[in-house]
Amino acid sequence: VAWSLIVVYEKVGLPVARINVCTDNFKLTYPAGTYSSVVGCIAPTGGRIRTTVVAFEGDNYKGEYFYLNGNYLGNNLFHGSTGPNLDILTIDATNFLLGKTSLMYTFNTYLVQSRWGRAIEGLICPIRVVYQEMKPISPVQMGYDE
């Protein structure tokens, strides 16, 4: 069992942003196969969009193919780079959302032969964060009187 802490803060000078923290029971990527999870509720903002994936159980001796909205991002990106069997990976997703209102995270795991025998990457990815910079709007544009 593992846990994560996500800190959302406000600071003068940073762009106005919308932050979606998406948690669910995204399955363990075992046995070998293709696993997908969609984060909806993303409205086009015209600003930069980043997504962060928190993943547990990434190993550097076996891998997984990772796709964001069908775009291949690489093999074995989740290999315990943040800590033992922990990865926190942030990706600029601006170009992956053109004309779309959701992000699909897809992992394709495969069987490898290791010195310990046959192995499959078994990722657990319960948390995805989507950060969207917003264009400033006035209270009138939001429907409030000035």
N, C-alpha and C. Protein backbone atom coordinates (compact mmCIF):
# COMPACT_ATOMS: atom_id res chain seq x y z
N VAL A 1 0.86 -1.17 0.00
CA VAL A 1 0.00 0.00 0.00
C VAL A 1 0.90 1.23 0.00
N ALA A 2 0.51 2.22 -0.79
CA ALA A 2 1.30 3.45 -0.89
C ALA A 2 0.37 4.65 -0.84
N TRP A 3 0.93 5.81 -0.66
CA TRP A 3 0.12 7.03 -0.64
C TRP A 3 0.89 8.13 -1.35
N SER A 4 0.17 9.18 -1.71
CA SER A 4 0.76 10.34 -2.38
C SER A 4 0.17 11.60 -1.77
N LEU A 5 0.94 12.66 -1.81
CA LEU A 5 0.48 13.96 -1.34
C LEU A 5 0.64 14.94 -2.50
N ILE A 6 -0.43 15.61 -2.85
CA ILE A 6 -0.39 16.59 -3.92
C ILE A 6 -0.63 17.95 -3.29
N VAL A 7 0.26 18.89 -3.56
CA VAL A 7 0.15 20.23 -3.00
C VAL A 7 -0.22 21.19 -4.12
N VAL A 8 -1.32 21.90 -3.95
CA VAL A 8 -1.75 22.92 -4.90
C VAL A 8 -1.64 24.25 -4.18
N TYR A 9 -0.94 25.20 -4.81
CA TYR A 9 -0.72 26.47 -4.15
C TYR A 9 -0.94 27.63 -5.10
N GLU A 10 -1.00 28.80 -4.52
CA GLU A 10 -1.23 30.03 -5.26
C GLU A 10 -0.04 30.94 -4.99
N LYS A 11 0.42 31.64 -6.03
CA LYS A 11 1.55 32.55 -5.87
C LYS A 11 1.39 33.70 -6.85
N VAL A 12 1.54 34.91 -6.34
CA VAL A 12 1.46 36.09 -7.20
C VAL A 12 2.51 35.97 -8.30
N GLY A 13 2.10 36.27 -9.51
CA GLY A 13 3.03 36.22 -10.64
C GLY A 13 2.92 34.94 -11.47
N LEU A 14 2.37 33.89 -10.88
CA LEU A 14 2.16 32.67 -11.66
C LEU A 14 0.89 32.82 -12.49
N PRO A 15 0.81 32.15 -13.62
CA PRO A 15 -0.40 32.24 -14.44
C PRO A 15 -1.61 31.66 -13.71
N VAL A 16 -2.77 32.18 -14.02
CA VAL A 16 -4.01 31.60 -13.52
C VAL A 16 -4.14 30.22 -14.17
N ALA A 17 -4.50 29.24 -13.39
CA ALA A 17 -4.54 27.87 -13.92
C ALA A 17 -5.69 27.08 -13.33
N ARG A 18 -6.10 26.07 -14.06
CA ARG A 18 -7.07 25.08 -13.59
C ARG A 18 -6.28 23.80 -13.34
N ILE A 19 -6.55 23.18 -12.21
CA ILE A 19 -5.84 21.94 -11.88
C ILE A 19 -6.87 20.85 -11.63
N ASN A 20 -6.76 19.76 -12.38
CA ASN A 20 -7.62 18.60 -12.20
C ASN A 20 -6.78 17.50 -11.56
N VAL A 21 -7.17 17.07 -10.39
CA VAL A 21 -6.51 15.95 -9.74
C VAL A 21 -7.44 14.76 -9.93
N CYS A 22 -6.98 13.77 -10.65
CA CYS A 22 -7.81 12.64 -11.04
C CYS A 22 -7.30 11.39 -10.36
N THR A 23 -8.14 10.82 -9.52
CA THR A 23 -7.77 9.58 -8.85
C THR A 23 -8.83 8.54 -9.19
N ASP A 24 -8.39 7.34 -9.37
CA ASP A 24 -9.31 6.25 -9.60
C ASP A 24 -8.60 4.94 -9.34
N ASN A 25 -9.26 3.88 -9.62
CA ASN A 25 -8.67 2.57 -9.38
C ASN A 25 -8.02 2.05 -10.65
N PHE A 26 -7.20 2.90 -11.30
CA PHE A 26 -6.51 2.48 -12.51
C PHE A 26 -5.77 1.18 -12.21
N LYS A 27 -6.07 0.18 -12.98
CA LYS A 27 -5.61 -1.18 -12.70
C LYS A 27 -4.10 -1.31 -12.72
N LEU A 28 -3.68 -2.30 -12.00
CA LEU A 28 -2.30 -2.77 -12.10
C LEU A 28 -2.12 -3.30 -13.51
N THR A 29 -1.06 -2.89 -14.18
CA THR A 29 -0.86 -3.29 -15.58
C THR A 29 -0.26 -4.69 -15.67
N TYR A 30 -0.99 -5.65 -15.16
CA TYR A 30 -0.57 -7.04 -15.18
C TYR A 30 -1.82 -7.88 -15.37
N PRO A 31 -1.84 -8.89 -16.15
CA PRO A 31 -0.78 -9.45 -16.97
C PRO A 31 -0.48 -8.58 -18.20
N ALA A 32 0.43 -9.05 -19.05
CA ALA A 32 0.81 -8.29 -20.24
C ALA A 32 -0.41 -7.93 -21.06
N GLY A 33 -0.43 -6.70 -21.56
CA GLY A 33 -1.57 -6.26 -22.35
C GLY A 33 -1.61 -4.75 -22.43
N THR A 34 -2.73 -4.24 -22.89
CA THR A 34 -2.91 -2.79 -23.05
C THR A 34 -3.93 -2.31 -22.03
N TYR A 35 -3.57 -1.25 -21.31
CA TYR A 35 -4.42 -0.69 -20.26
C TYR A 35 -4.55 0.81 -20.50
N SER A 36 -5.77 1.32 -20.46
CA SER A 36 -6.02 2.75 -20.71
C SER A 36 -6.90 3.35 -19.63
N SER A 37 -6.71 4.63 -19.43
CA SER A 37 -7.54 5.40 -18.50
C SER A 37 -7.70 6.79 -19.10
N VAL A 38 -8.92 7.32 -19.05
CA VAL A 38 -9.20 8.63 -19.65
C VAL A 38 -9.49 9.64 -18.55
N VAL A 39 -8.89 10.82 -18.68
CA VAL A 39 -9.21 11.95 -17.82
C VAL A 39 -9.97 12.94 -18.68
N GLY A 40 -11.25 13.13 -18.35
CA GLY A 40 -12.08 14.07 -19.09
C GLY A 40 -12.08 15.42 -18.40
N CYS A 41 -13.14 16.16 -18.59
CA CYS A 41 -13.35 17.46 -17.96
C CYS A 41 -12.22 18.45 -18.23
N ILE A 42 -11.63 18.37 -19.41
CA ILE A 42 -10.58 19.30 -19.78
C ILE A 42 -11.14 20.23 -20.84
N ALA A 43 -11.27 21.49 -20.51
CA ALA A 43 -11.80 22.47 -21.46
C ALA A 43 -10.64 23.18 -22.13
N PRO A 44 -10.70 23.37 -23.46
CA PRO A 44 -9.63 24.11 -24.13
C PRO A 44 -9.50 25.50 -23.53
N THR A 45 -8.29 25.86 -23.14
CA THR A 45 -8.05 27.15 -22.48
C THR A 45 -7.16 28.07 -23.30
N GLY A 46 -6.51 27.53 -24.31
CA GLY A 46 -5.60 28.34 -25.10
C GLY A 46 -4.24 28.48 -24.45
N GLY A 47 -4.07 27.93 -23.27
CA GLY A 47 -2.80 28.03 -22.56
C GLY A 47 -2.07 26.70 -22.55
N ARG A 48 -0.92 26.73 -21.91
CA ARG A 48 -0.08 25.54 -21.80
C ARG A 48 -0.77 24.50 -20.90
N ILE A 49 -0.61 23.23 -21.26
CA ILE A 49 -1.21 22.14 -20.49
C ILE A 49 -0.12 21.13 -20.17
N ARG A 50 -0.03 20.77 -18.91
CA ARG A 50 0.91 19.73 -18.47
C ARG A 50 0.14 18.67 -17.71
N THR A 51 0.64 17.46 -17.79
CA THR A 51 0.06 16.39 -17.00
C THR A 51 1.17 15.70 -16.22
N THR A 52 0.84 15.31 -15.02
CA THR A 52 1.78 14.58 -14.17
C THR A 52 1.17 13.24 -13.82
N VAL A 53 1.96 12.20 -13.97
CA VAL A 53 1.52 10.84 -13.64
C VAL A 53 2.33 10.36 -12.45
N VAL A 54 1.64 9.92 -11.41
CA VAL A 54 2.30 9.29 -10.26
C VAL A 54 2.11 7.80 -10.43
N ALA A 55 3.21 7.06 -10.51
CA ALA A 55 3.14 5.62 -10.76
C ALA A 55 4.01 4.87 -9.75
N PHE A 56 3.48 3.77 -9.28
CA PHE A 56 4.20 2.90 -8.35
C PHE A 56 4.57 1.60 -9.05
N GLU A 57 5.65 1.00 -8.61
CA GLU A 57 6.12 -0.31 -9.06
C GLU A 57 6.83 -0.29 -10.41
N GLY A 58 7.38 0.84 -10.82
CA GLY A 58 8.19 0.87 -12.04
C GLY A 58 9.57 0.28 -11.78
N ASP A 59 10.01 -0.57 -12.66
CA ASP A 59 11.32 -1.23 -12.52
C ASP A 59 12.17 -0.91 -13.74
N ASN A 60 13.49 -0.80 -13.55
CA ASN A 60 14.32 -0.45 -14.70
C ASN A 60 14.79 -1.65 -15.51
N TYR A 61 14.49 -2.86 -15.11
CA TYR A 61 14.92 -4.01 -15.90
C TYR A 61 13.83 -4.55 -16.82
N LYS A 62 12.64 -3.97 -16.73
CA LYS A 62 11.57 -4.32 -17.67
C LYS A 62 10.79 -3.06 -17.95
N GLY A 63 10.08 -3.02 -19.03
CA GLY A 63 9.48 -1.76 -19.43
C GLY A 63 8.02 -1.86 -19.82
N GLU A 64 7.56 -0.73 -20.35
CA GLU A 64 6.19 -0.60 -20.84
C GLU A 64 6.21 0.48 -21.91
N TYR A 65 5.35 0.34 -22.89
CA TYR A 65 5.19 1.40 -23.88
C TYR A 65 4.15 2.37 -23.33
N PHE A 66 4.41 3.66 -23.44
CA PHE A 66 3.50 4.65 -22.88
C PHE A 66 3.02 5.59 -23.98
N TYR A 67 1.71 5.80 -24.03
CA TYR A 67 1.08 6.66 -25.03
C TYR A 67 0.20 7.69 -24.32
N LEU A 68 0.15 8.89 -24.86
CA LEU A 68 -0.75 9.93 -24.37
C LEU A 68 -1.58 10.38 -25.55
N ASN A 69 -2.90 10.18 -25.47
CA ASN A 69 -3.82 10.45 -26.59
C ASN A 69 -3.34 9.80 -27.89
N GLY A 70 -2.84 8.58 -27.77
CA GLY A 70 -2.41 7.83 -28.95
C GLY A 70 -1.01 8.18 -29.44
N ASN A 71 -0.32 9.12 -28.80
CA ASN A 71 1.03 9.51 -29.20
C ASN A 71 2.04 8.74 -28.36
N TYR A 72 2.92 8.02 -29.03
CA TYR A 72 3.94 7.21 -28.35
C TYR A 72 4.97 8.13 -27.70
N LEU A 73 5.18 7.96 -26.39
CA LEU A 73 6.14 8.80 -25.67
C LEU A 73 7.42 8.07 -25.30
N GLY A 74 7.40 6.74 -25.34
CA GLY A 74 8.63 6.02 -25.05
C GLY A 74 8.41 4.70 -24.35
N ASN A 75 9.52 3.99 -24.17
CA ASN A 75 9.52 2.70 -23.52
C ASN A 75 10.28 2.83 -22.20
N ASN A 76 9.74 2.23 -21.17
CA ASN A 76 10.33 2.19 -19.84
C ASN A 76 10.55 3.58 -19.25
N LEU A 77 9.58 4.47 -19.45
CA LEU A 77 9.65 5.80 -18.83
C LEU A 77 9.45 5.69 -17.32
N PHE A 78 8.79 4.64 -16.88
CA PHE A 78 8.52 4.43 -15.46
C PHE A 78 9.47 3.36 -14.95
N HIS A 79 10.59 3.78 -14.41
CA HIS A 79 11.65 2.85 -14.02
C HIS A 79 12.25 3.18 -12.65
N GLY A 80 11.45 3.76 -11.78
CA GLY A 80 11.93 4.08 -10.44
C GLY A 80 12.84 5.29 -10.42
N SER A 81 12.56 6.29 -11.27
CA SER A 81 13.45 7.46 -11.36
C SER A 81 13.29 8.44 -10.21
N THR A 82 12.15 8.44 -9.53
CA THR A 82 11.93 9.36 -8.41
C THR A 82 12.36 8.73 -7.10
N GLY A 83 12.19 7.45 -6.99
CA GLY A 83 12.57 6.70 -5.80
C GLY A 83 12.42 5.23 -6.12
N PRO A 84 12.77 4.36 -5.18
CA PRO A 84 12.61 2.93 -5.46
C PRO A 84 11.16 2.61 -5.84
N ASN A 85 10.98 2.15 -7.05
CA ASN A 85 9.66 1.77 -7.58
C ASN A 85 8.66 2.91 -7.55
N LEU A 86 9.12 4.15 -7.67
CA LEU A 86 8.24 5.32 -7.69
C LEU A 86 8.66 6.25 -8.82
N ASP A 87 7.67 6.69 -9.59
CA ASP A 87 7.92 7.65 -10.65
C ASP A 87 6.90 8.77 -10.57
N ILE A 88 7.36 9.99 -10.75
CA ILE A 88 6.49 11.15 -10.90
C ILE A 88 6.95 11.81 -12.19
N LEU A 89 6.18 11.64 -13.23
CA LEU A 89 6.56 12.07 -14.57
C LEU A 89 5.63 13.19 -15.04
N THR A 90 6.22 14.35 -15.41
CA THR A 90 5.45 15.48 -15.92
C THR A 90 5.73 15.64 -17.41
N ILE A 91 4.65 15.81 -18.16
CA ILE A 91 4.73 15.88 -19.63
C ILE A 91 3.98 17.12 -20.10
N ASP A 92 4.57 17.85 -21.04
CA ASP A 92 3.85 18.96 -21.68
C ASP A 92 2.86 18.33 -22.65
N ALA A 93 1.57 18.48 -22.35
CA ALA A 93 0.52 17.83 -23.14
C ALA A 93 -0.21 18.80 -24.05
N THR A 94 0.29 20.00 -24.20
CA THR A 94 -0.40 21.03 -24.98
C THR A 94 -0.73 20.54 -26.38
N ASN A 95 0.24 19.98 -27.07
CA ASN A 95 0.01 19.54 -28.45
C ASN A 95 -0.82 18.27 -28.56
N PHE A 96 -0.96 17.53 -27.47
CA PHE A 96 -1.75 16.31 -27.50
C PHE A 96 -3.23 16.58 -27.30
N LEU A 97 -3.59 17.82 -26.94
CA LEU A 97 -4.98 18.15 -26.65
C LEU A 97 -5.62 19.02 -27.71
N LEU A 98 -4.95 19.28 -28.80
CA LEU A 98 -5.52 20.15 -29.82
C LEU A 98 -6.86 19.60 -30.29
N GLY A 99 -7.92 20.37 -30.03
CA GLY A 99 -9.26 19.97 -30.44
C GLY A 99 -9.89 18.87 -29.61
N LYS A 100 -9.30 18.53 -28.48
CA LYS A 100 -9.81 17.45 -27.64
C LYS A 100 -10.16 17.98 -26.25
N THR A 101 -10.98 17.25 -25.51
CA THR A 101 -11.36 17.64 -24.16
C THR A 101 -11.03 16.56 -23.14
N SER A 102 -10.16 15.62 -23.51
CA SER A 102 -9.75 14.58 -22.57
C SER A 102 -8.35 14.09 -22.92
N LEU A 103 -7.73 13.46 -21.94
CA LEU A 103 -6.43 12.82 -22.14
C LEU A 103 -6.59 11.33 -21.88
N MET A 104 -6.09 10.51 -22.81
CA MET A 104 -6.10 9.07 -22.61
C MET A 104 -4.67 8.63 -22.35
N TYR A 105 -4.48 7.98 -21.20
CA TYR A 105 -3.19 7.43 -20.81
C TYR A 105 -3.22 5.95 -21.13
N THR A 106 -2.28 5.48 -21.95
CA THR A 106 -2.27 4.07 -22.34
C THR A 106 -0.91 3.46 -22.05
N PHE A 107 -0.93 2.32 -21.39
CA PHE A 107 0.28 1.55 -21.10
C PHE A 107 0.14 0.21 -21.80
N ASN A 108 1.18 -0.19 -22.50
CA ASN A 108 1.21 -1.50 -23.12
C ASN A 108 2.37 -2.25 -22.50
N THR A 109 2.06 -3.26 -21.69
CA THR A 109 3.11 -4.02 -21.02
C THR A 109 3.38 -5.30 -21.78
N TYR A 110 4.57 -5.82 -21.61
CA TYR A 110 4.98 -7.01 -22.36
C TYR A 110 5.87 -7.88 -21.48
N LEU A 111 5.96 -9.11 -21.85
CA LEU A 111 6.74 -10.11 -21.13
C LEU A 111 8.21 -9.99 -21.51
N VAL A 112 9.10 -10.01 -20.52
CA VAL A 112 10.55 -10.01 -20.78
C VAL A 112 11.18 -11.16 -20.00
N GLN A 113 12.34 -11.56 -20.46
CA GLN A 113 13.11 -12.56 -19.73
C GLN A 113 14.17 -11.80 -18.93
N SER A 114 14.17 -11.95 -17.62
CA SER A 114 15.16 -11.29 -16.78
C SER A 114 16.02 -12.34 -16.10
N ARG A 115 17.00 -11.90 -15.37
CA ARG A 115 17.85 -12.88 -14.68
C ARG A 115 17.08 -13.62 -13.59
N TRP A 116 15.92 -13.09 -13.21
CA TRP A 116 15.08 -13.73 -12.21
C TRP A 116 13.97 -14.58 -12.85
N GLY A 117 13.93 -14.62 -14.17
CA GLY A 117 12.88 -15.36 -14.87
C GLY A 117 12.02 -14.41 -15.68
N ARG A 118 10.89 -14.90 -16.12
CA ARG A 118 9.99 -14.07 -16.92
C ARG A 118 9.36 -13.00 -16.04
N ALA A 119 9.22 -11.78 -16.61
CA ALA A 119 8.69 -10.67 -15.83
C ALA A 119 7.85 -9.74 -16.71
N ILE A 120 6.88 -9.10 -16.08
CA ILE A 120 6.03 -8.11 -16.74
C ILE A 120 5.98 -6.88 -15.84
N GLU A 121 6.09 -5.69 -16.43
CA GLU A 121 5.96 -4.46 -15.65
C GLU A 121 4.57 -4.41 -15.05
N GLY A 122 4.47 -4.23 -13.77
CA GLY A 122 3.18 -4.15 -13.09
C GLY A 122 2.99 -2.77 -12.48
N LEU A 123 2.67 -1.78 -13.29
CA LEU A 123 2.50 -0.41 -12.79
C LEU A 123 1.15 -0.22 -12.12
N ILE A 124 1.15 0.60 -11.11
CA ILE A 124 -0.08 1.07 -10.49
C ILE A 124 -0.06 2.59 -10.65
N CYS A 125 -1.04 3.13 -11.35
CA CYS A 125 -1.08 4.57 -11.66
C CYS A 125 -2.39 5.18 -11.18
N PRO A 126 -2.54 5.36 -9.87
CA PRO A 126 -3.83 5.84 -9.37
C PRO A 126 -4.04 7.35 -9.50
N ILE A 127 -2.98 8.10 -9.81
CA ILE A 127 -3.11 9.56 -9.79
C ILE A 127 -2.59 10.17 -11.08
N ARG A 128 -3.42 11.02 -11.67
CA ARG A 128 -3.01 11.85 -12.79
C ARG A 128 -3.45 13.27 -12.49
N VAL A 129 -2.55 14.22 -12.69
CA VAL A 129 -2.84 15.63 -12.45
C VAL A 129 -2.73 16.34 -13.79
N VAL A 130 -3.72 17.18 -14.10
CA VAL A 130 -3.69 17.97 -15.33
C VAL A 130 -3.69 19.44 -14.92
N TYR A 131 -2.67 20.17 -15.38
CA TYR A 131 -2.50 21.60 -15.10
C TYR A 131 -2.73 22.37 -16.39
N GLN A 132 -3.69 23.29 -16.37
CA GLN A 132 -4.01 24.09 -17.57
C GLN A 132 -3.87 25.56 -17.25
N GLU A 133 -2.99 26.26 -17.97
CA GLU A 133 -2.91 27.70 -17.82
C GLU A 133 -4.13 28.32 -18.48
N MET A 134 -4.70 29.32 -17.82
CA MET A 134 -5.92 29.96 -18.31
C MET A 134 -5.58 31.36 -18.81
N LYS A 135 -6.28 31.77 -19.84
CA LYS A 135 -6.18 33.16 -20.26
C LYS A 135 -6.99 33.98 -19.26
N PRO A 136 -6.43 35.10 -18.77
CA PRO A 136 -7.19 35.89 -17.79
C PRO A 136 -8.51 36.39 -18.39
N ILE A 137 -9.57 36.31 -17.58
CA ILE A 137 -10.86 36.83 -18.01
C ILE A 137 -11.39 37.75 -16.92
N SER A 138 -12.21 38.67 -17.31
CA SER A 138 -12.76 39.65 -16.36
C SER A 138 -13.97 39.07 -15.65
N PRO A 139 -14.35 39.68 -14.52
CA PRO A 139 -15.56 39.23 -13.83
C PRO A 139 -16.80 39.31 -14.72
N VAL A 140 -16.85 40.29 -15.62
CA VAL A 140 -17.99 40.43 -16.52
C VAL A 140 -18.05 39.22 -17.45
N GLN A 141 -16.90 38.78 -17.98
CA GLN A 141 -16.87 37.60 -18.84
C GLN A 141 -17.32 36.35 -18.10
N MET A 142 -17.13 36.34 -16.77
CA MET A 142 -17.55 35.20 -15.97
C MET A 142 -19.01 35.29 -15.57
N GLY A 143 -19.68 36.41 -15.91
CA GLY A 143 -21.09 36.56 -15.60
C GLY A 143 -21.36 37.35 -14.33
N TYR A 144 -20.32 37.96 -13.76
CA TYR A 144 -20.50 38.76 -12.54
C TYR A 144 -20.51 40.24 -12.90
N ASP A 145 -21.21 41.05 -12.11
CA ASP A 145 -21.18 42.50 -12.30
C ASP A 145 -19.85 43.01 -11.77
N GLU A 146 -19.37 44.08 -12.38
CA GLU A 146 -18.11 44.67 -11.89
C GLU A 146 -18.34 45.45 -10.63
